[in-house]
Amino acid sequence: MVEFKIDSVTRNTLSRQVLEKFIQLLMEGDLQPGDKLPPEMDLMHMFDVSRPVLREALSSLETLEIVKRRPRGGTYINEKIGSSPFRAMLALSINNVPAVIEARMTLELGLVTLAAEKISEDQIARLEETIVAIANTVDDDYGALDREFHRIIAESANNPVVSGMIDSLLITHQKTDSLITFREPDITVRHHSAIVKALKGRDPVEAFKEMYNHLQYVREKILANQKGV
């Protein structure tokens, strides 16, 4: 079991401070992929925080796939964290909604241009299946289908160097998806269909334009909701 030394957490946003300490330990090499964390009581003492604060921080780290919990086996640093260099920055900024949305846009706009060159006919068919499924959704609860649409596009870029970005993309998608209070399937279907049309035409410029139009709409919708509009 790994051991490390930290200063006490004293500021108001305690769970965020704990999360930042974990990221700092990872960046400085005091924690390594695969390391088992000390028991909960030891961590509470080391960070000088209560159990709810510690659990909130660990929950955030688990959502970001920085740590994973094994039933009756303890909590470990994810072995694959090194393949996703954006996770640490996402962890520190996950509640900065404009930054998370912009990160998602940056990743997806680059990936969709590669997808226009590389996407297979099978992947295009799968994209079209998600569009049909969204159109036929009766309760407007199609978040999982939306994520699958964007995941297929990202994976179709088929680049081992950027493959680590896909997990980060899905994390940003999950965060933005959780902030959408009402869905508009007709608009989603129209946007997704335009993106697929550009991909089928092998047109990276048009694919970029249509993806930007879609993500810009999502950004405006979420930020308006954040402001209480």
Protein backbone atom coordinates (compact mmCIF):
# COMPACT_ATOMS: atom_id res chain seq x y z
CA MET A 1 0.00 0.00 0.00
CA VAL A 2 1.38 3.40 -1.00
CA GLU A 3 2.23 5.97 1.69
CA PHE A 4 2.54 9.69 1.17
CA LYS A 5 2.73 12.88 3.19
CA ILE A 6 0.43 15.88 2.69
CA ASP A 7 -0.35 19.18 4.34
CA SER A 8 -3.75 19.56 6.02
CA VAL A 9 -6.60 20.88 3.93
CA THR A 10 -7.88 24.11 5.43
CA ARG A 11 -9.90 26.06 2.86
CA ASN A 12 -13.65 26.12 2.46
CA THR A 13 -14.15 23.92 -0.61
CA LEU A 14 -12.82 20.89 1.19
CA SER A 15 -13.77 18.14 -1.24
CA ARG A 16 -12.24 20.08 -4.12
CA GLN A 17 -9.11 20.61 -2.06
CA VAL A 18 -8.84 16.89 -1.45
CA LEU A 19 -9.29 16.25 -5.17
CA GLU A 20 -6.57 18.81 -5.96
CA LYS A 21 -4.24 17.14 -3.48
CA PHE A 22 -4.75 13.79 -5.19
CA ILE A 23 -4.00 15.35 -8.59
CA GLN A 24 -0.90 17.03 -7.18
CA LEU A 25 0.32 13.70 -5.78
CA LEU A 26 -0.21 12.08 -9.18
CA MET A 27 1.55 14.84 -11.08
CA GLU A 28 4.52 14.77 -8.70
CA GLY A 29 4.78 11.00 -8.93
CA ASP A 30 3.96 10.29 -5.28
CA LEU A 31 0.98 8.28 -6.51
CA GLN A 32 1.33 5.92 -9.45
CA PRO A 33 -1.16 4.00 -11.62
CA GLY A 34 -2.09 0.81 -9.81
CA ASP A 35 -1.28 2.10 -6.31
CA LYS A 36 -3.68 1.05 -3.57
CA LEU A 37 -4.87 3.92 -1.39
CA PRO A 38 -4.75 3.72 2.42
CA PRO A 39 -7.99 2.85 4.28
CA GLU A 40 -10.68 5.51 4.56
CA MET A 41 -9.92 6.33 8.19
CA ASP A 42 -6.24 6.87 7.37
CA LEU A 43 -7.12 9.13 4.45
CA MET A 44 -9.47 11.17 6.67
CA HIS A 45 -6.61 11.68 9.11
CA MET A 46 -4.06 12.49 6.40
CA PHE A 47 -6.29 15.07 4.73
CA ASP A 48 -7.79 16.23 8.03
CA VAL A 49 -11.34 16.08 6.66
CA SER A 50 -14.60 14.37 7.57
CA ARG A 51 -15.86 11.14 6.00
CA PRO A 52 -18.51 12.91 3.83
CA VAL A 53 -15.88 15.30 2.43
CA LEU A 54 -13.48 12.46 1.65
CA ARG A 55 -16.19 10.35 0.05
CA GLU A 56 -17.35 13.25 -2.12
CA ALA A 57 -13.79 13.73 -3.39
CA LEU A 58 -13.32 10.01 -4.01
CA SER A 59 -16.64 9.88 -5.83
CA SER A 60 -15.49 12.67 -8.14
CA LEU A 61 -12.20 10.88 -8.76
CA GLU A 62 -14.09 7.67 -9.52
CA THR A 63 -16.41 9.45 -11.96
CA LEU A 64 -13.33 10.79 -13.72
CA GLU A 65 -11.91 7.25 -13.73
CA ILE A 66 -8.81 8.38 -11.84
CA VAL A 67 -9.52 5.88 -9.07
CA LYS A 68 -11.49 2.66 -9.07
CA ARG A 69 -12.98 0.76 -6.15
CA ARG A 70 -12.84 -3.01 -5.89
CA PRO A 71 -15.53 -4.71 -3.78
CA ARG A 72 -13.89 -5.63 -0.48
CA GLY A 73 -10.56 -4.90 -2.13
CA GLY A 74 -9.99 -1.21 -1.49
CA THR A 75 -9.50 1.82 -3.73
CA TYR A 76 -6.81 1.95 -6.41
CA ILE A 77 -5.38 4.49 -8.83
CA ASN A 78 -6.56 3.48 -12.29
CA GLU A 79 -3.83 1.60 -14.16
CA LYS A 80 -4.80 3.33 -17.42
CA ILE A 81 -4.68 6.88 -16.13
CA GLY A 82 -1.38 7.48 -17.88
CA SER A 83 -3.04 6.96 -21.27
CA SER A 84 -5.40 9.88 -20.72
CA PRO A 85 -3.35 13.01 -19.96
CA PHE A 86 -6.40 15.27 -19.91
CA ARG A 87 -8.07 13.62 -16.94
CA ALA A 88 -6.09 15.54 -14.32
CA MET A 89 -6.99 18.90 -15.84
CA LEU A 90 -10.61 17.81 -16.18
CA ALA A 91 -10.64 16.82 -12.53
CA LEU A 92 -9.51 20.27 -11.48
CA SER A 93 -11.96 22.05 -13.78
CA ILE A 94 -14.94 19.70 -13.84
CA ASN A 95 -17.23 22.30 -12.21
CA ASN A 96 -16.07 25.09 -14.53
CA VAL A 97 -18.93 24.56 -16.96
CA PRO A 98 -17.81 26.96 -19.74
CA ALA A 99 -14.32 25.43 -19.69
CA VAL A 100 -15.67 21.88 -19.83
CA ILE A 101 -17.94 22.74 -22.77
CA GLU A 102 -15.04 24.38 -24.62
CA ALA A 103 -12.86 21.33 -23.94
CA ARG A 104 -15.54 19.12 -25.44
CA MET A 105 -15.82 21.37 -28.49
CA THR A 106 -12.05 21.40 -28.99
CA LEU A 107 -11.84 17.61 -28.90
CA GLU A 108 -14.89 16.87 -31.03
CA LEU A 109 -14.19 19.44 -33.74
CA GLY A 110 -10.76 17.95 -34.31
CA LEU A 111 -11.96 14.37 -34.22
CA VAL A 112 -14.88 14.90 -36.60
CA THR A 113 -12.56 16.21 -39.33
CA LEU A 114 -10.47 13.05 -39.06
CA ALA A 115 -13.65 10.98 -39.02
CA ALA A 116 -14.68 12.47 -42.38
CA GLU A 117 -11.57 10.90 -43.89
CA LYS A 118 -11.54 7.61 -41.98
CA ILE A 119 -15.05 6.60 -40.93
CA SER A 120 -16.21 3.20 -42.23
CA GLU A 121 -19.54 2.41 -43.84
CA ASP A 122 -20.39 0.22 -40.86
CA GLN A 123 -19.75 3.12 -38.47
CA ILE A 124 -21.90 5.41 -40.61
CA ALA A 125 -24.69 2.83 -40.46
CA ARG A 126 -24.37 2.72 -36.66
CA LEU A 127 -24.59 6.51 -36.50
CA GLU A 128 -27.78 6.38 -38.55
CA GLU A 129 -29.19 3.75 -36.19
CA THR A 130 -28.70 6.10 -33.22
CA ILE A 131 -30.51 8.86 -35.08
CA VAL A 132 -33.50 6.60 -35.77
CA ALA A 133 -33.52 5.50 -32.12
CA ILE A 134 -33.47 9.11 -30.90
CA ALA A 135 -36.32 9.99 -33.26
CA ASN A 136 -38.36 7.11 -31.86
CA THR A 137 -37.70 7.88 -28.20
CA VAL A 138 -40.99 8.42 -26.40
CA ASP A 139 -39.77 9.96 -23.13
CA ASP A 140 -36.96 12.17 -24.53
CA ASP A 141 -34.49 10.25 -22.38
CA TYR A 142 -31.92 9.64 -25.08
CA GLY A 143 -28.72 10.78 -23.38
CA ALA A 144 -27.09 7.36 -23.81
CA LEU A 145 -27.90 7.35 -27.53
CA ASP A 146 -26.47 10.83 -27.89
CA ARG A 147 -23.23 9.77 -26.20
CA GLU A 148 -23.02 6.69 -28.44
CA PHE A 149 -23.33 8.90 -31.53
CA HIS A 150 -20.40 11.06 -30.45
CA ARG A 151 -18.36 8.06 -29.28
CA ILE A 152 -18.62 6.37 -32.68
CA ILE A 153 -17.38 9.51 -34.41
CA ALA A 154 -14.47 9.86 -31.99
CA GLU A 155 -13.41 6.23 -32.33
CA SER A 156 -13.67 6.34 -36.13
CA ALA A 157 -10.73 8.76 -36.15
CA ASN A 158 -8.71 5.57 -35.48
CA ASN A 159 -5.60 7.29 -34.17
CA PRO A 160 -3.69 5.62 -31.30
CA VAL A 161 -2.15 8.92 -30.22
CA VAL A 162 -5.51 10.60 -29.66
CA SER A 163 -7.29 7.48 -28.40
CA GLY A 164 -6.66 8.64 -24.82
CA MET A 165 -8.70 11.74 -25.60
CA ILE A 166 -11.85 9.72 -26.18
CA ASP A 167 -12.30 8.91 -22.49
CA SER A 168 -11.87 12.61 -21.72
CA LEU A 169 -14.39 13.47 -24.41
CA LEU A 170 -16.94 11.11 -22.89
CA ILE A 171 -16.33 12.61 -19.45
CA THR A 172 -17.02 16.12 -20.78
CA HIS A 173 -20.07 14.77 -22.60
CA GLN A 174 -21.38 13.16 -19.41
CA LYS A 175 -20.89 16.43 -17.52
CA THR A 176 -22.62 18.59 -20.13
CA ASP A 177 -25.37 15.99 -20.58
CA SER A 178 -26.13 16.12 -16.84
CA LEU A 179 -26.74 19.89 -17.14
CA ILE A 180 -29.41 19.61 -19.84
CA THR A 181 -32.79 20.05 -18.18
CA PHE A 182 -34.96 19.51 -21.26
CA ARG A 183 -34.34 17.76 -24.55
CA GLU A 184 -35.43 18.56 -28.07
CA PRO A 185 -35.22 15.35 -30.13
CA ASP A 186 -36.26 17.04 -33.38
CA ILE A 187 -33.33 19.45 -33.16
CA THR A 188 -30.92 16.69 -32.12
CA VAL A 189 -32.02 14.52 -35.05
CA ARG A 190 -31.61 17.43 -37.47
CA HIS A 191 -28.13 18.29 -36.18
CA HIS A 192 -26.94 14.69 -36.10
CA SER A 193 -28.31 14.02 -39.58
CA ALA A 194 -26.41 17.00 -40.97
CA ILE A 195 -23.20 15.74 -39.38
CA VAL A 196 -23.69 12.25 -40.83
CA LYS A 197 -24.42 13.71 -44.26
CA ALA A 198 -21.08 15.53 -44.17
CA LEU A 199 -19.29 12.38 -43.02
CA LYS A 200 -20.88 10.31 -45.80
CA GLY A 201 -19.69 12.96 -48.26
CA ARG A 202 -16.14 12.67 -46.86
CA ASP A 203 -16.12 16.44 -46.41
CA PRO A 204 -14.05 17.43 -43.33
CA VAL A 205 -14.85 21.14 -43.69
CA GLU A 206 -18.60 20.54 -43.79
CA ALA A 207 -18.31 18.01 -40.95
CA PHE A 208 -16.49 20.62 -38.85
CA LYS A 209 -19.15 23.23 -39.64
CA GLU A 210 -22.08 20.97 -38.78
CA MET A 211 -20.47 19.71 -35.58
CA TYR A 212 -19.72 23.30 -34.56
CA ASN A 213 -23.33 24.32 -35.17
CA HIS A 214 -24.51 21.42 -33.02
CA LEU A 215 -22.09 22.01 -30.14
CA GLN A 216 -22.60 25.76 -30.19
CA TYR A 217 -26.34 25.16 -29.80
CA VAL A 218 -25.67 22.83 -26.86
CA ARG A 219 -23.32 25.38 -25.29
CA GLU A 220 -25.81 28.22 -25.52
CA LYS A 221 -28.58 26.03 -24.12
CA ILE A 222 -26.55 24.92 -21.10
CA LEU A 223 -25.11 28.34 -20.30
CA ALA A 224 -28.55 29.94 -20.56
CA ASN A 225 -29.85 27.38 -18.10
CA GLN A 226 -26.90 28.03 -15.78
CA LYS A 227 -27.84 31.70 -15.73
CA GLY A 228 -31.44 30.83 -14.95
CA VAL A 229 -32.75 32.09 -18.27
